[in-house]
C-alpha atoms as a PDB file:
ATOM      1  CA  MET A   1      -4.452  20.831 -78.054  1.00  0.00           C
ATOM      2  CA  SER A   2      -4.948  17.523 -79.480  1.00  0.00           C
ATOM      3  CA  LEU A   3      -6.308  14.744 -77.011  1.00  0.00           C
ATOM      4  CA  LYS A   4      -4.454  11.672 -78.686  1.00  0.00           C
ATOM      5  CA  GLY A   5      -0.817  11.462 -78.387  1.00  0.00           C
ATOM      6  CA  LYS A   6       2.046   9.160 -77.442  1.00  0.00           C
ATOM      7  CA  VAL A   7       4.637   9.244 -74.699  1.00  0.00           C
ATOM      8  CA  GLY A   8       7.919   7.024 -73.970  1.00  0.00           C
ATOM      9  CA  THR A   9      11.064   6.464 -73.361  1.00  0.00           C
ATOM     10  CA  GLU A  10      14.024   4.225 -74.398  1.00  0.00           C
ATOM     11  CA  ILE A  11      16.509   2.668 -71.661  1.00  0.00           C
ATOM     12  CA  GLU A  12      19.273  -0.215 -71.620  1.00  0.00           C
ATOM     13  CA  ILE A  13      18.873  -3.125 -70.122  1.00  0.00           C
ATOM     14  CA  LYS A  14      21.097  -6.049 -69.493  1.00  0.00           C
ATOM     15  CA  SER A  15      18.669  -8.504 -70.926  1.00  0.00           C
ATOM     16  CA  PRO A  16      19.111 -10.349 -74.154  1.00  0.00           C
ATOM     17  CA  PRO A  17      15.690  -9.513 -75.966  1.00  0.00           C
ATOM     18  CA  GLU A  18      14.865 -13.076 -76.256  1.00  0.00           C
ATOM     19  CA  LYS A  19      14.366 -13.406 -73.234  1.00  0.00           C
ATOM     20  CA  PHE A  20      12.927  -9.978 -71.954  1.00  0.00           C
ATOM     21  CA  TYR A  21      10.697 -10.512 -74.585  1.00  0.00           C
ATOM     22  CA  ASN A  22       9.224 -14.082 -73.520  1.00  0.00           C
ATOM     23  CA  ILE A  23       8.526 -12.842 -70.143  1.00  0.00           C
ATOM     24  CA  PHE A  24       5.902 -11.334 -71.198  1.00  0.00           C
ATOM     25  CA  LYS A  25       4.669 -12.970 -74.405  1.00  0.00           C
ATOM     26  CA  SER A  26       4.113 -16.855 -72.470  1.00  0.00           C
ATOM     27  CA  GLN A  27       5.404 -16.085 -68.627  1.00  0.00           C
ATOM     28  CA  ALA A  28       3.277 -12.640 -67.615  1.00  0.00           C
ATOM     29  CA  TYR A  29       3.030 -14.322 -64.021  1.00  0.00           C
ATOM     30  CA  HIS A  30       6.191 -13.698 -63.346  1.00  0.00           C
ATOM     31  CA  VAL A  31       6.020 -10.182 -63.662  1.00  0.00           C
ATOM     32  CA  PRO A  32       4.618  -9.803 -60.084  1.00  0.00           C
ATOM     33  CA  ASN A  33       7.355 -11.567 -58.263  1.00  0.00           C
ATOM     34  CA  ALA A  34      10.015 -10.148 -60.207  1.00  0.00           C
ATOM     35  CA  ALA A  35       8.710  -6.365 -59.270  1.00  0.00           C
ATOM     36  CA  PRO A  36       5.954  -6.691 -56.138  1.00  0.00           C
ATOM     37  CA  ASN A  37       6.606  -2.986 -56.196  1.00  0.00           C
ATOM     38  CA  HIS A  38       4.791  -2.169 -59.188  1.00  0.00           C
ATOM     39  CA  ILE A  39       2.685  -5.251 -59.883  1.00  0.00           C
ATOM     40  CA  GLN A  40       0.567  -6.837 -57.535  1.00  0.00           C
ATOM     41  CA  GLY A  41      -1.069  -9.551 -59.551  1.00  0.00           C
ATOM     42  CA  VAL A  42      -1.746 -10.554 -62.677  1.00  0.00           C
ATOM     43  CA  ASP A  43      -4.669 -13.274 -63.542  1.00  0.00           C
ATOM     44  CA  VAL A  44      -5.809 -14.508 -66.899  1.00  0.00           C
ATOM     45  CA  HIS A  45      -9.732 -13.297 -67.605  1.00  0.00           C
ATOM     46  CA  GLU A  46      -9.765 -14.881 -71.246  1.00  0.00           C
ATOM     47  CA  GLY A  47      -7.497 -17.006 -73.290  1.00  0.00           C
ATOM     48  CA  ASP A  48      -3.862 -18.074 -71.814  1.00  0.00           C
ATOM     49  CA  TRP A  49      -0.708 -16.963 -70.634  1.00  0.00           C
ATOM     50  CA  GLU A  50       0.588 -17.339 -74.443  1.00  0.00           C
ATOM     51  CA  THR A  51      -1.992 -16.606 -77.223  1.00  0.00           C
ATOM     52  CA  HIS A  52      -2.257 -13.444 -79.069  1.00  0.00           C
ATOM     53  CA  GLY A  53      -5.493 -11.983 -78.202  1.00  0.00           C
ATOM     54  CA  SER A  54      -5.600 -13.167 -74.602  1.00  0.00           C
ATOM     55  CA  VAL A  55      -7.023 -10.920 -71.946  1.00  0.00           C
ATOM     56  CA  LYS A  56      -5.572 -10.170 -68.432  1.00  0.00           C
ATOM     57  CA  ILE A  57      -6.194  -8.124 -65.525  1.00  0.00           C
ATOM     58  CA  TRP A  58      -3.552  -6.303 -63.589  1.00  0.00           C
ATOM     59  CA  LYS A  59      -2.896  -4.786 -60.382  1.00  0.00           C
ATOM     60  CA  TYR A  60      -0.562  -2.184 -59.985  1.00  0.00           C
ATOM     61  CA  THR A  61       1.027   0.604 -57.553  1.00  0.00           C
ATOM     62  CA  ALA A  62       2.297   3.850 -59.642  1.00  0.00           C
ATOM     63  CA  GLU A  63       3.386   6.854 -57.763  1.00  0.00           C
ATOM     64  CA  GLY A  64       1.519   5.281 -54.385  1.00  0.00           C
ATOM     65  CA  GLU A  65      -1.854   4.847 -56.177  1.00  0.00           C
ATOM     66  CA  SER A  66      -3.171   1.358 -56.497  1.00  0.00           C
ATOM     67  CA  GLY A  67      -5.044   0.585 -59.632  1.00  0.00           C
ATOM     68  CA  VAL A  68      -6.510  -2.186 -62.223  1.00  0.00           C
ATOM     69  CA  PHE A  69      -6.055  -2.696 -65.786  1.00  0.00           C
ATOM     70  CA  LYS A  70      -7.744  -5.043 -68.079  1.00  0.00           C
ATOM     71  CA  GLU A  71      -5.815  -5.518 -71.109  1.00  0.00           C
ATOM     72  CA  LYS A  72      -5.705  -7.610 -74.789  1.00  0.00           C
ATOM     73  CA  VAL A  73      -2.294  -8.566 -75.650  1.00  0.00           C
ATOM     74  CA  GLU A  74      -0.950  -7.830 -79.078  1.00  0.00           C
ATOM     75  CA  LEU A  75       2.398 -10.092 -79.826  1.00  0.00           C
ATOM     76  CA  ASP A  76       4.728  -9.160 -82.835  1.00  0.00           C
ATOM     77  CA  ASP A  77       7.464 -11.775 -82.712  1.00  0.00           C
ATOM     78  CA  ALA A  78       9.308  -9.926 -85.545  1.00  0.00           C
ATOM     79  CA  ASN A  79       9.913  -6.847 -83.830  1.00  0.00           C
ATOM     80  CA  ARG A  80       9.569  -8.404 -80.093  1.00  0.00           C
ATOM     81  CA  SER A  81       7.013  -6.357 -79.604  1.00  0.00           C
ATOM     82  CA  VAL A  82       3.864  -6.515 -76.896  1.00  0.00           C
ATOM     83  CA  THR A  83       0.960  -4.246 -76.647  1.00  0.00           C
ATOM     84  CA  LEU A  84      -0.953  -4.147 -74.083  1.00  0.00           C
ATOM     85  CA  VAL A  85      -4.628  -3.134 -75.632  1.00  0.00           C
ATOM     86  CA  GLY A  86      -6.861  -1.334 -72.235  1.00  0.00           C
ATOM     87  CA  ILE A  87     -10.179  -2.637 -72.181  1.00  0.00           C
ATOM     88  CA  GLU A  88     -11.211  -1.842 -68.744  1.00  0.00           C
ATOM     89  CA  GLY A  89      -9.785  -0.448 -65.896  1.00  0.00           C
ATOM     90  CA  ASP A  90      -8.946   2.318 -63.683  1.00  0.00           C
ATOM     91  CA  VAL A  91      -6.841   4.060 -66.520  1.00  0.00           C
ATOM     92  CA  MET A  92      -9.602   3.988 -69.027  1.00  0.00           C
ATOM     93  CA  LYS A  93     -11.216   6.677 -66.745  1.00  0.00           C
ATOM     94  CA  ASP A  94      -9.457   9.040 -68.442  1.00  0.00           C
ATOM     95  CA  TYR A  95      -8.486   7.588 -71.195  1.00  0.00           C
ATOM     96  CA  LYS A  96     -10.387   6.730 -74.662  1.00  0.00           C
ATOM     97  CA  THR A  97      -7.305   4.718 -75.585  1.00  0.00           C
ATOM     98  CA  PHE A  98      -4.676   3.326 -73.452  1.00  0.00           C
ATOM     99  CA  LYS A  99      -1.935   0.911 -75.318  1.00  0.00           C
ATOM    100  CA  PRO A 100       1.302   0.300 -73.366  1.00  0.00           C
ATOM    101  CA  ILE A 101       4.226  -1.167 -75.626  1.00  0.00           C
ATOM    102  CA  TYR A 102       7.033  -2.975 -74.578  1.00  0.00           C
ATOM    103  CA  GLN A 103       9.627  -3.486 -77.400  1.00  0.00           C
ATOM    104  CA  VAL A 104      13.094  -4.702 -76.856  1.00  0.00           C
ATOM    105  CA  VAL A 105      16.008  -4.506 -79.399  1.00  0.00           C
ATOM    106  CA  PRO A 106      19.655  -6.248 -79.721  1.00  0.00           C
ATOM    107  CA  LYS A 107      21.782  -3.770 -78.611  1.00  0.00           C
ATOM    108  CA  GLY A 108      25.526  -5.435 -77.502  1.00  0.00           C
ATOM    109  CA  THR A 109      25.259  -8.012 -75.390  1.00  0.00           C
ATOM    110  CA  GLY A 110      22.062  -6.522 -73.626  1.00  0.00           C
ATOM    111  CA  SER A 111      19.065  -4.685 -74.784  1.00  0.00           C
ATOM    112  CA  LEU A 112      17.340  -1.282 -75.821  1.00  0.00           C
ATOM    113  CA  ALA A 113      13.989  -1.518 -74.294  1.00  0.00           C
ATOM    114  CA  LYS A 114      11.440   1.253 -75.971  1.00  0.00           C
ATOM    115  CA  LEU A 115       8.837   1.692 -73.870  1.00  0.00           C
ATOM    116  CA  SER A 116       5.483   3.448 -74.760  1.00  0.00           C
ATOM    117  CA  ILE A 117       1.986   4.344 -74.441  1.00  0.00           C
ATOM    118  CA  GLU A 118      -0.364   5.852 -77.440  1.00  0.00           C
ATOM    119  CA  TYR A 119      -3.510   7.013 -76.053  1.00  0.00           C
ATOM    120  CA  GLU A 120      -6.133   9.246 -76.102  1.00  0.00           C
ATOM    121  CA  LYS A 121      -7.503  11.144 -73.491  1.00  0.00           C
ATOM    122  CA  VAL A 122     -11.510  11.719 -72.125  1.00  0.00           C
ATOM    123  CA  ARG A 123     -11.412  14.984 -71.432  1.00  0.00           C
ATOM    124  CA  GLU A 124      -8.226  18.134 -72.449  1.00  0.00           C
ATOM    125  CA  ASP A 125      -7.406  18.555 -68.424  1.00  0.00           C
ATOM    126  CA  VAL A 126      -6.399  15.111 -68.802  1.00  0.00           C
ATOM    127  CA  PRO A 127      -2.178  14.790 -68.427  1.00  0.00           C
ATOM    128  CA  ALA A 128      -0.317  12.655 -70.695  1.00  0.00           C
ATOM    129  CA  PRO A 129       0.047   9.380 -69.078  1.00  0.00           C
ATOM    130  CA  ASN A 130       3.995   9.938 -68.129  1.00  0.00           C
ATOM    131  CA  LYS A 131       3.396   8.188 -64.578  1.00  0.00           C
ATOM    132  CA  TYR A 132       2.941   5.277 -66.218  1.00  0.00           C
ATOM    133  CA  VAL A 133       5.534   5.687 -68.297  1.00  0.00           C
ATOM    134  CA  THR A 134       7.765   5.823 -65.480  1.00  0.00           C
ATOM    135  CA  LEU A 135       5.634   2.558 -63.824  1.00  0.00           C
ATOM    136  CA  MET A 136       6.743   0.817 -67.143  1.00  0.00           C
ATOM    137  CA  VAL A 137      10.414   1.982 -66.614  1.00  0.00           C
ATOM    138  CA  ASN A 138      10.437   0.441 -62.780  1.00  0.00           C
ATOM    139  CA  ILE A 139       8.842  -2.522 -64.318  1.00  0.00           C
ATOM    140  CA  THR A 140      11.498  -3.021 -66.863  1.00  0.00           C
ATOM    141  CA  LYS A 141      14.034  -2.662 -64.437  1.00  0.00           C
ATOM    142  CA  ASP A 142      12.958  -5.090 -62.182  1.00  0.00           C
ATOM    143  CA  LEU A 143      12.501  -7.637 -64.965  1.00  0.00           C
ATOM    144  CA  ASP A 144      15.605  -6.954 -66.258  1.00  0.00           C
ATOM    145  CA  ALA A 145      17.467  -7.474 -62.484  1.00  0.00           C
ATOM    146  CA  HIS A 146      15.276 -10.546 -62.348  1.00  0.00           C
ATOM    147  CA  ILE A 147      16.532 -12.335 -65.662  1.00  0.00           C
ATOM    148  CA  MET A 148      20.597 -11.483 -64.675  1.00  0.00           C
ATOM    149  CA  LYS A 149      19.596 -12.904 -60.940  1.00  0.00           C
ATOM    150  CA  ALA A 150      18.346 -16.330 -63.056  1.00  0.00           C
END
């Protein structure tokens, strides 16, 4: 069995792709307001809210467990894709590499959100990070509702 892998899913959302992408690109501070059951806080550790390579610390709840995730953001404007490259935090106890990726593509009047995590486990017995994909789906649904209310 391989220690490296990728898990993910796709969901349709009503938000235009630019609006959804811009939340992660330059307004991540809105995420705790839009998804308070899943994200309890986010702070800039290095850089700022908008710059490729900035480092943020997220406080989250996944399947009832609280955690902290420190990441360096990689922005891909051409593909409306945001990669959160894990640096430190609770997930790094189980994964050598942990990269959640949010990508949105136009679909009809809304978007298709492609959510995935590229990872490398530290041990064979560590499960694939499916619970974090579920967390990404929940955040995406909450953000979509938040954007559509605005």
